Amino acid sequence: MAERVDRKRFNSNQEFFDTLAALIASLRETGQSVAAIELEGGYRCLNGLTDGWALLLESIEKVHADHSNELSRDQRDILNNLGSAARSLVYRR
């Protein structure tokens, strides 16, 4: 049976952005520059509208699909939490 992971709730957009920036820095430090660049690209798309969040979500999902095997468990957990939060904003769940 798979272990249930509780999703982190971000208390503010700033907390979300700080977590995203810390993940990008962590990816760079561990040699995952392609994943870091992908997330930075999505981050730059944020424009305060849902379409910007959707583009960031696409970047998060791409990093997950293409690089999750290369990431540490902590990095994957953070990426999943960011993806869950972004998905909630895009789909209003």
PDB file of N, CA and C in Angstrom:
ATOM      1  N   MET A   1       0.835  -1.176   0.000  1.00  0.00           N
ATOM      2  CA  MET A   1       0.000   0.000   0.000  1.00  0.00           C
ATOM      3  C   MET A   1       0.883   1.243   0.000  1.00  0.00           C
ATOM      4  N   ALA A   2       0.576   2.191  -0.851  1.00  0.00           N
ATOM      5  CA  ALA A   2       1.381   3.412  -0.975  1.00  0.00           C
ATOM      6  C   ALA A   2       1.190   4.300   0.255  1.00  0.00           C
ATOM      7  N   GLU A   3       2.270   4.921   0.667  1.00  0.00           N
ATOM      8  CA  GLU A   3       2.215   5.842   1.802  1.00  0.00           C
ATOM      9  C   GLU A   3       1.522   7.126   1.367  1.00  0.00           C
ATOM     10  N   ARG A   4       0.616   7.615   2.202  1.00  0.00           N
ATOM     11  CA  ARG A   4      -0.093   8.860   1.907  1.00  0.00           C
ATOM     12  C   ARG A   4       0.779  10.027   2.331  1.00  0.00           C
ATOM     13  N   VAL A   5       0.963  10.963   1.433  1.00  0.00           N
ATOM     14  CA  VAL A   5       1.767  12.145   1.734  1.00  0.00           C
ATOM     15  C   VAL A   5       0.824  13.330   1.865  1.00  0.00           C
ATOM     16  N   ASP A   6       0.881  14.010   3.012  1.00  0.00           N
ATOM     17  CA  ASP A   6       0.067  15.197   3.192  1.00  0.00           C
ATOM     18  C   ASP A   6       0.663  16.334   2.390  1.00  0.00           C
ATOM     19  N   ARG A   7      -0.173  17.030   1.661  1.00  0.00           N
ATOM     20  CA  ARG A   7       0.272  18.148   0.843  1.00  0.00           C
ATOM     21  C   ARG A   7       0.420  19.386   1.700  1.00  0.00           C
ATOM     22  N   LYS A   8       1.497  20.083   1.494  1.00  0.00           N
ATOM     23  CA  LYS A   8       1.733  21.327   2.218  1.00  0.00           C
ATOM     24  C   LYS A   8       0.800  22.404   1.688  1.00  0.00           C
ATOM     25  N   ARG A   9       0.274  23.173   2.578  1.00  0.00           N
ATOM     26  CA  ARG A   9      -0.516  24.339   2.203  1.00  0.00           C
ATOM     27  C   ARG A   9       0.364  25.558   2.371  1.00  0.00           C
ATOM     28  N   PHE A  10       0.378  26.395   1.363  1.00  0.00           N
ATOM     29  CA  PHE A  10       1.144  27.627   1.425  1.00  0.00           C
ATOM     30  C   PHE A  10       0.253  28.718   1.999  1.00  0.00           C
ATOM     31  N   ASN A  11       0.783  29.471   2.943  1.00  0.00           N
ATOM     32  CA  ASN A  11       0.004  30.510   3.617  1.00  0.00           C
ATOM     33  C   ASN A  11      -0.106  31.790   2.802  1.00  0.00           C
ATOM     34  N   SER A  12       0.732  31.929   1.788  1.00  0.00           N
ATOM     35  CA  SER A  12       0.708  33.130   0.955  1.00  0.00           C
ATOM     36  C   SER A  12       1.397  32.830  -0.368  1.00  0.00           C
ATOM     37  N   ASN A  13       1.152  33.700  -1.329  1.00  0.00           N
ATOM     38  CA  ASN A  13       1.874  33.572  -2.598  1.00  0.00           C
ATOM     39  C   ASN A  13       3.367  33.731  -2.360  1.00  0.00           C
ATOM     40  N   GLN A  14       3.742  34.632  -1.442  1.00  0.00           N
ATOM     41  CA  GLN A  14       5.163  34.848  -1.182  1.00  0.00           C
ATOM     42  C   GLN A  14       5.826  33.581  -0.663  1.00  0.00           C
ATOM     43  N   GLU A  15       5.139  32.851   0.214  1.00  0.00           N
ATOM     44  CA  GLU A  15       5.690  31.586   0.706  1.00  0.00           C
ATOM     45  C   GLU A  15       5.857  30.600  -0.452  1.00  0.00           C
ATOM     46  N   PHE A  16       4.891  30.553  -1.354  1.00  0.00           N
ATOM     47  CA  PHE A  16       4.987  29.698  -2.533  1.00  0.00           C
ATOM     48  C   PHE A  16       6.193  30.109  -3.373  1.00  0.00           C
ATOM     49  N   PHE A  17       6.329  31.412  -3.652  1.00  0.00           N
ATOM     50  CA  PHE A  17       7.433  31.892  -4.483  1.00  0.00           C
ATOM     51  C   PHE A  17       8.778  31.629  -3.823  1.00  0.00           C
ATOM     52  N   ASP A  18       8.868  31.820  -2.511  1.00  0.00           N
ATOM     53  CA  ASP A  18      10.122  31.555  -1.791  1.00  0.00           C
ATOM     54  C   ASP A  18      10.486  30.079  -1.874  1.00  0.00           C
ATOM     55  N   THR A  19       9.489  29.215  -1.765  1.00  0.00           N
ATOM     56  CA  THR A  19       9.725  27.776  -1.857  1.00  0.00           C
ATOM     57  C   THR A  19      10.177  27.397  -3.263  1.00  0.00           C
ATOM     58  N   LEU A  20       9.541  27.984  -4.268  1.00  0.00           N
ATOM     59  CA  LEU A  20       9.934  27.734  -5.655  1.00  0.00           C
ATOM     60  C   LEU A  20      11.364  28.201  -5.905  1.00  0.00           C
ATOM     61  N   ALA A  21      11.706  29.393  -5.432  1.00  0.00           N
ATOM     62  CA  ALA A  21      13.072  29.910  -5.609  1.00  0.00           C
ATOM     63  C   ALA A  21      14.089  29.021  -4.900  1.00  0.00           C
ATOM     64  N   ALA A  22      13.750  28.537  -3.714  1.00  0.00           N
ATOM     65  CA  ALA A  22      14.658  27.650  -2.979  1.00  0.00           C
ATOM     66  C   ALA A  22      14.839  26.325  -3.722  1.00  0.00           C
ATOM     67  N   LEU A  23      13.760  25.807  -4.322  1.00  0.00           N
ATOM     68  CA  LEU A  23      13.879  24.573  -5.099  1.00  0.00           C
ATOM     69  C   LEU A  23      14.761  24.795  -6.316  1.00  0.00           C
ATOM     70  N   ILE A  24      14.590  25.892  -7.003  1.00  0.00           N
ATOM     71  CA  ILE A  24      15.421  26.194  -8.171  1.00  0.00           C
ATOM     72  C   ILE A  24      16.890  26.257  -7.762  1.00  0.00           C
ATOM     73  N   ALA A  25      17.185  26.915  -6.648  1.00  0.00           N
ATOM     74  CA  ALA A  25      18.562  26.999  -6.152  1.00  0.00           C
ATOM     75  C   ALA A  25      19.093  25.611  -5.799  1.00  0.00           C
ATOM     76  N   SER A  26      18.270  24.800  -5.162  1.00  0.00           N
ATOM     77  CA  SER A  26      18.670  23.445  -4.801  1.00  0.00           C
ATOM     78  C   SER A  26      18.970  22.605  -6.038  1.00  0.00           C
ATOM     79  N   LEU A  27      18.131  22.751  -7.057  1.00  0.00           N
ATOM     80  CA  LEU A  27      18.362  22.005  -8.303  1.00  0.00           C
ATOM     81  C   LEU A  27      19.688  22.409  -8.936  1.00  0.00           C
ATOM     82  N   ARG A  28      19.975  23.683  -8.944  1.00  0.00           N
ATOM     83  CA  ARG A  28      21.258  24.154  -9.488  1.00  0.00           C
ATOM     84  C   ARG A  28      22.431  23.589  -8.687  1.00  0.00           C
ATOM     85  N   GLU A  29      22.306  23.615  -7.370  1.00  0.00           N
ATOM     86  CA  GLU A  29      23.385  23.132  -6.494  1.00  0.00           C
ATOM     87  C   GLU A  29      23.658  21.646  -6.682  1.00  0.00           C
ATOM     88  N   THR A  30      22.635  20.897  -7.054  1.00  0.00           N
ATOM     89  CA  THR A  30      22.801  19.451  -7.212  1.00  0.00           C
ATOM     90  C   THR A  30      22.989  19.036  -8.671  1.00  0.00           C
ATOM     91  N   GLY A  31      23.271  20.012  -9.531  1.00  0.00           N
ATOM     92  CA  GLY A  31      23.587  19.701 -10.915  1.00  0.00           C
ATOM     93  C   GLY A  31      22.394  19.480 -11.822  1.00  0.00           C
ATOM     94  N   GLN A  32      21.211  19.856 -11.382  1.00  0.00           N
ATOM     95  CA  GLN A  32      19.998  19.680 -12.183  1.00  0.00           C
ATOM     96  C   GLN A  32      19.641  20.987 -12.887  1.00  0.00           C
ATOM     97  N   SER A  33      20.592  21.518 -13.663  1.00  0.00           N
ATOM     98  CA  SER A  33      20.390  22.839 -14.268  1.00  0.00           C
ATOM     99  C   SER A  33      19.258  22.850 -15.298  1.00  0.00           C
ATOM    100  N   VAL A  34      19.040  21.768 -16.021  1.00  0.00           N
ATOM    101  CA  VAL A  34      17.956  21.733 -17.010  1.00  0.00           C
ATOM    102  C   VAL A  34      16.609  21.858 -16.305  1.00  0.00           C
ATOM    103  N   ALA A  35      16.440  21.145 -15.198  1.00  0.00           N
ATOM    104  CA  ALA A  35      15.197  21.233 -14.430  1.00  0.00           C
ATOM    105  C   ALA A  35      15.043  22.640 -13.850  1.00  0.00           C
ATOM    106  N   ALA A  36      16.133  23.210 -13.352  1.00  0.00           N
ATOM    107  CA  ALA A  36      16.086  24.569 -12.788  1.00  0.00           C
ATOM    108  C   ALA A  36      15.685  25.581 -13.852  1.00  0.00           C
ATOM    109  N   ILE A  37      16.243  25.466 -15.030  1.00  0.00           N
ATOM    110  CA  ILE A  37      15.925  26.388 -16.131  1.00  0.00           C
ATOM    111  C   ILE A  37      14.454  26.268 -16.521  1.00  0.00           C
ATOM    112  N   GLU A  38      13.928  25.049 -16.563  1.00  0.00           N
ATOM    113  CA  GLU A  38      12.514  24.836 -16.900  1.00  0.00           C
ATOM    114  C   GLU A  38      11.614  25.525 -15.879  1.00  0.00           C
ATOM    115  N   LEU A  39      11.915  25.362 -14.601  1.00  0.00           N
ATOM    116  CA  LEU A  39      11.093  26.000 -13.568  1.00  0.00           C
ATOM    117  C   LEU A  39      11.214  27.520 -13.611  1.00  0.00           C
ATOM    118  N   GLU A  40      12.415  28.017 -13.871  1.00  0.00           N
ATOM    119  CA  GLU A  40      12.588  29.471 -13.992  1.00  0.00           C
ATOM    120  C   GLU A  40      11.738  30.025 -15.132  1.00  0.00           C
ATOM    121  N   GLY A  41      11.687  29.294 -16.240  1.00  0.00           N
ATOM    122  CA  GLY A  41      10.869  29.718 -17.376  1.00  0.00           C
ATOM    123  C   GLY A  41       9.402  29.812 -17.006  1.00  0.00           C
ATOM    124  N   GLY A  42       8.911  28.826 -16.268  1.00  0.00           N
ATOM    125  CA  GLY A  42       7.530  28.857 -15.818  1.00  0.00           C
ATOM    126  C   GLY A  42       7.278  29.982 -14.833  1.00  0.00           C
ATOM    127  N   TYR A  43       8.234  30.220 -13.963  1.00  0.00           N
ATOM    128  CA  TYR A  43       8.130  31.289 -12.967  1.00  0.00           C
ATOM    129  C   TYR A  43       8.020  32.652 -13.651  1.00  0.00           C
ATOM    130  N   ARG A  44       8.786  32.839 -14.716  1.00  0.00           N
ATOM    131  CA  ARG A  44       8.750  34.114 -15.453  1.00  0.00           C
ATOM    132  C   ARG A  44       7.405  34.338 -16.164  1.00  0.00           C
ATOM    133  N   CYS A  45       6.629  33.284 -16.340  1.00  0.00           N
ATOM    134  CA  CYS A  45       5.331  33.409 -17.006  1.00  0.00           C
ATOM    135  C   CYS A  45       4.239  33.944 -16.086  1.00  0.00           C
ATOM    136  N   LEU A  46       4.500  33.942 -14.769  1.00  0.00           N
ATOM    137  CA  LEU A  46       3.471  34.425 -13.846  1.00  0.00           C
ATOM    138  C   LEU A  46       3.172  35.884 -14.121  1.00  0.00           C
ATOM    139  N   ASN A  47       1.889  36.153 -14.333  1.00  0.00           N
ATOM    140  CA  ASN A  47       1.460  37.505 -14.673  1.00  0.00           C
ATOM    141  C   ASN A  47       0.258  37.947 -13.842  1.00  0.00           C
ATOM    142  N   GLY A  48      -0.048  37.180 -12.809  1.00  0.00           N
ATOM    143  CA  GLY A  48      -1.189  37.513 -11.971  1.00  0.00           C
ATOM    144  C   GLY A  48      -2.497  36.940 -12.474  1.00  0.00           C
ATOM    145  N   LEU A  49      -2.469  36.304 -13.624  1.00  0.00           N
ATOM    146  CA  LEU A  49      -3.671  35.720 -14.212  1.00  0.00           C
ATOM    147  C   LEU A  49      -3.563  34.201 -14.217  1.00  0.00           C
ATOM    148  N   THR A  50      -4.674  33.551 -14.418  1.00  0.00           N
ATOM    149  CA  THR A  50      -4.704  32.095 -14.412  1.00  0.00           C
ATOM    150  C   THR A  50      -3.807  31.504 -15.489  1.00  0.00           C
ATOM    151  N   ASP A  51      -3.701  32.157 -16.645  1.00  0.00           N
ATOM    152  CA  ASP A  51      -2.867  31.588 -17.711  1.00  0.00           C
ATOM    153  C   ASP A  51      -1.398  31.535 -17.300  1.00  0.00           C
ATOM    154  N   GLY A  52      -0.947  32.496 -16.539  1.00  0.00           N
ATOM    155  CA  GLY A  52       0.428  32.470 -16.042  1.00  0.00           C
ATOM    156  C   GLY A  52       0.657  31.305 -15.092  1.00  0.00           C
ATOM    157  N   TRP A  53      -0.307  31.065 -14.205  1.00  0.00           N
ATOM    158  CA  TRP A  53      -0.212  29.927 -13.295  1.00  0.00           C
ATOM    159  C   TRP A  53      -0.251  28.614 -14.081  1.00  0.00           C
ATOM    160  N   ALA A  54      -1.052  28.563 -15.149  1.00  0.00           N
ATOM    161  CA  ALA A  54      -1.128  27.356 -15.972  1.00  0.00           C
ATOM    162  C   ALA A  54       0.215  27.066 -16.636  1.00  0.00           C
ATOM    163  N   LEU A  55       0.894  28.103 -17.093  1.00  0.00           N
ATOM    164  CA  LEU A  55       2.214  27.903 -17.707  1.00  0.00           C
ATOM    165  C   LEU A  55       3.232  27.439 -16.675  1.00  0.00           C
ATOM    166  N   LEU A  56       3.167  27.982 -15.461  1.00  0.00           N
ATOM    167  CA  LEU A  56       4.047  27.504 -14.393  1.00  0.00           C
ATOM    168  C   LEU A  56       3.731  26.049 -14.090  1.00  0.00           C
ATOM    169  N   LEU A  57       2.454  25.704 -14.002  1.00  0.00           N
ATOM    170  CA  LEU A  57       2.068  24.316 -13.747  1.00  0.00           C
ATOM    171  C   LEU A  57       2.619  23.392 -14.831  1.00  0.00           C
ATOM    172  N   GLU A  58       2.566  23.810 -16.083  1.00  0.00           N
ATOM    173  CA  GLU A  58       3.134  23.003 -17.172  1.00  0.00           C
ATOM    174  C   GLU A  58       4.620  22.765 -16.946  1.00  0.00           C
ATOM    175  N   SER A  59       5.326  23.787 -16.504  1.00  0.00           N
ATOM    176  CA  SER A  59       6.760  23.641 -16.234  1.00  0.00           C
ATOM    177  C   SER A  59       7.004  22.663 -15.094  1.00  0.00           C
ATOM    178  N   ILE A  60       6.210  22.772 -14.039  1.00  0.00           N
ATOM    179  CA  ILE A  60       6.341  21.855 -12.906  1.00  0.00           C
ATOM    180  C   ILE A  60       6.085  20.423 -13.364  1.00  0.00           C
ATOM    181  N   GLU A  61       5.034  20.232 -14.145  1.00  0.00           N
ATOM    182  CA  GLU A  61       4.700  18.891 -14.635  1.00  0.00           C
ATOM    183  C   GLU A  61       5.771  18.354 -15.573  1.00  0.00           C
ATOM    184  N   LYS A  62       6.380  19.225 -16.377  1.00  0.00           N
ATOM    185  CA  LYS A  62       7.455  18.795 -17.281  1.00  0.00           C
ATOM    186  C   LYS A  62       8.677  18.347 -16.483  1.00  0.00           C
ATOM    187  N   VAL A  63       9.032  19.112 -15.461  1.00  0.00           N
ATOM    188  CA  VAL A  63      10.167  18.728 -14.617  1.00  0.00           C
ATOM    189  C   VAL A  63       9.858  17.392 -13.939  1.00  0.00           C
ATOM    190  N   HIS A  64       8.650  17.243 -13.456  1.00  0.00           N
ATOM    191  CA  HIS A  64       8.277  15.981 -12.814  1.00  0.00           C
ATOM    192  C   HIS A  64       8.395  14.818 -13.800  1.00  0.00           C
ATOM    193  N   ALA A  65       7.864  14.997 -14.999  1.00  0.00           N
ATOM    194  CA  ALA A  65       7.878  13.921 -15.999  1.00  0.00           C
ATOM    195  C   ALA A  65       9.293  13.600 -16.489  1.00  0.00           C
ATOM    196  N   ASP A  66      10.093  14.630 -16.699  1.00  0.00           N
ATOM    197  CA  ASP A  66      11.405  14.433 -17.322  1.00  0.00           C
ATOM    198  C   ASP A  66      12.547  14.218 -16.344  1.00  0.00           C
ATOM    199  N   HIS A  67      12.395  14.658 -15.094  1.00  0.00           N
ATOM    200  CA  HIS A  67      13.547  14.668 -14.188  1.00  0.00           C
ATOM    201  C   HIS A  67      13.301  14.058 -12.818  1.00  0.00           C
ATOM    202  N   SER A  68      12.107  13.568 -12.534  1.00  0.00           N
ATOM    203  CA  SER A  68      11.823  13.131 -11.164  1.00  0.00           C
ATOM    204  C   SER A  68      12.749  12.024 -10.683  1.00  0.00           C
ATOM    205  N   ASN A  69      13.200  11.164 -11.587  1.00  0.00           N
ATOM    206  CA  ASN A  69      14.123  10.087 -11.182  1.00  0.00           C
ATOM    207  C   ASN A  69      15.483  10.620 -10.753  1.00  0.00           C
ATOM    208  N   GLU A  70      15.820  11.826 -11.181  1.00  0.00           N
ATOM    209  CA  GLU A  70      17.119  12.410 -10.866  1.00  0.00           C
ATOM    210  C   GLU A  70      17.080  13.275  -9.604  1.00  0.00           C
ATOM    211  N   LEU A  71      15.888  13.573  -9.110  1.00  0.00           N
ATOM    212  CA  LEU A  71      15.743  14.468  -7.970  1.00  0.00           C
ATOM    213  C   LEU A  71      15.784  13.701  -6.660  1.00  0.00           C
ATOM    214  N   SER A  72      16.191  14.399  -5.607  1.00  0.00           N
ATOM    215  CA  SER A  72      16.135  13.796  -4.278  1.00  0.00           C
ATOM    216  C   SER A  72      14.680  13.681  -3.849  1.00  0.00           C
ATOM    217  N   ARG A  73      14.445  12.886  -2.835  1.00  0.00           N
ATOM    218  CA  ARG A  73      13.074  12.739  -2.329  1.00  0.00           C
ATOM    219  C   ARG A  73      12.530  14.090  -1.871  1.00  0.00           C
ATOM    220  N   ASP A  74      13.346  14.878  -1.167  1.00  0.00           N
ATOM    221  CA  ASP A  74      12.909  16.199  -0.713  1.00  0.00           C
ATOM    222  C   ASP A  74      12.554  17.102  -1.884  1.00  0.00           C
ATOM    223  N   GLN A  75      13.387  17.083  -2.925  1.00  0.00           N
ATOM    224  CA  GLN A  75      13.108  17.900  -4.103  1.00  0.00           C
ATOM    225  C   GLN A  75      11.816  17.465  -4.768  1.00  0.00           C
ATOM    226  N   ARG A  76      11.591  16.168  -4.873  1.00  0.00           N
ATOM    227  CA  ARG A  76      10.341  15.659  -5.465  1.00  0.00           C
ATOM    228  C   ARG A  76       9.137  16.062  -4.626  1.00  0.00           C
ATOM    229  N   ASP A  77       9.264  15.951  -3.302  1.00  0.00           N
ATOM    230  CA  ASP A  77       8.152  16.331  -2.424  1.00  0.00           C
ATOM    231  C   ASP A  77       7.818  17.811  -2.585  1.00  0.00           C
ATOM    232  N   ILE A  78       8.831  18.648  -2.627  1.00  0.00           N
ATOM    233  CA  ILE A  78       8.612  20.086  -2.808  1.00  0.00           C
ATOM    234  C   ILE A  78       7.967  20.348  -4.160  1.00  0.00           C
ATOM    235  N   LEU A  79       8.481  19.716  -5.197  1.00  0.00           N
ATOM    236  CA  LEU A  79       7.913  19.873  -6.535  1.00  0.00           C
ATOM    237  C   LEU A  79       6.445  19.455  -6.551  1.00  0.00           C
ATOM    238  N   ASN A  80       6.132  18.335  -5.901  1.00  0.00           N
ATOM    239  CA  ASN A  80       4.743  17.872  -5.838  1.00  0.00           C
ATOM    240  C   ASN A  80       3.861  18.866  -5.094  1.00  0.00           C
ATOM    241  N   ASN A  81       4.360  19.430  -4.004  1.00  0.00           N
ATOM    242  CA  ASN A  81       3.581  20.413  -3.250  1.00  0.00           C
ATOM    243  C   ASN A  81       3.340  21.673  -4.067  1.00  0.00           C
ATOM    244  N   LEU A  82       4.367  22.121  -4.772  1.00  0.00           N
ATOM    245  CA  LEU A  82       4.201  23.288  -5.645  1.00  0.00           C
ATOM    246  C   LEU A  82       3.190  22.988  -6.748  1.00  0.00           C
ATOM    247  N   GLY A  83       3.278  21.797  -7.319  1.00  0.00           N
ATOM    248  CA  GLY A  83       2.340  21.407  -8.373  1.00  0.00           C
ATOM    249  C   GLY A  83       0.910  21.344  -7.870  1.00  0.00           C
ATOM    250  N   SER A  84       0.712  20.800  -6.680  1.00  0.00           N
ATOM    251  CA  SER A  84      -0.638  20.734  -6.109  1.00  0.00           C
ATOM    252  C   SER A  84      -1.212  22.124  -5.890  1.00  0.00           C
ATOM    253  N   ALA A  85      -0.385  23.030  -5.371  1.00  0.00           N
ATOM    254  CA  ALA A  85      -0.857  24.397  -5.126  1.00  0.00           C
ATOM    255  C   ALA A  85      -1.183  25.099  -6.439  1.00  0.00           C
ATOM    256  N   ALA A  86      -0.306  24.957  -7.430  1.00  0.00           N
ATOM    257  CA  ALA A  86      -0.540  25.603  -8.726  1.00  0.00           C
ATOM    258  C   ALA A  86      -1.780  25.021  -9.397  1.00  0.00           C
ATOM    259  N   ARG A  87      -1.938  23.704  -9.302  1.00  0.00           N
ATOM    260  CA  ARG A  87      -3.112  23.041  -9.896  1.00  0.00           C
ATOM    261  C   ARG A  87      -4.395  23.571  -9.257  1.00  0.00           C
ATOM    262  N   SER A  88      -4.371  23.770  -7.935  1.00  0.00           N
ATOM    263  CA  SER A  88      -5.549  24.324  -7.238  1.00  0.00           C
ATOM    264  C   SER A  88      -5.897  25.707  -7.730  1.00  0.00           C
ATOM    265  N   LEU A  89      -4.885  26.514  -8.015  1.00  0.00           N
ATOM    266  CA  LEU A  89      -5.137  27.861  -8.520  1.00  0.00           C
ATOM    267  C   LEU A  89      -5.675  27.847  -9.947  1.00  0.00           C
ATOM    268  N   VAL A  90      -5.122  26.974 -10.755  1.00  0.00           N
ATOM    269  CA  VAL A  90      -5.530  26.918 -12.169  1.00  0.00           C
ATOM    270  C   VAL A  90      -6.940  26.353 -12.299  1.00  0.00           C
ATOM    271  N   TYR A  91      -7.238  25.298 -11.554  1.00  0.00           N
ATOM    272  CA  TYR A  91      -8.523  24.617 -11.700  1.00  0.00           C
ATOM    273  C   TYR A  91      -9.525  24.972 -10.607  1.00  0.00           C
ATOM    274  N   ARG A  92      -9.165  25.915  -9.741  1.00  0.00           N
ATOM    275  CA  ARG A  92     -10.055  26.417  -8.680  1.00  0.00           C
ATOM    276  C   ARG A  92     -10.604  25.303  -7.802  1.00  0.00           C
ATOM    277  N   ARG A  93      -9.721  24.373  -7.418  1.00  0.00           N
ATOM    278  CA  ARG A  93     -10.124  23.263  -6.536  1.00  0.00           C
ATOM    279  C   ARG A  93      -9.700  23.540  -5.136  1.00  0.00           C
TER     280      ARG A  93
END
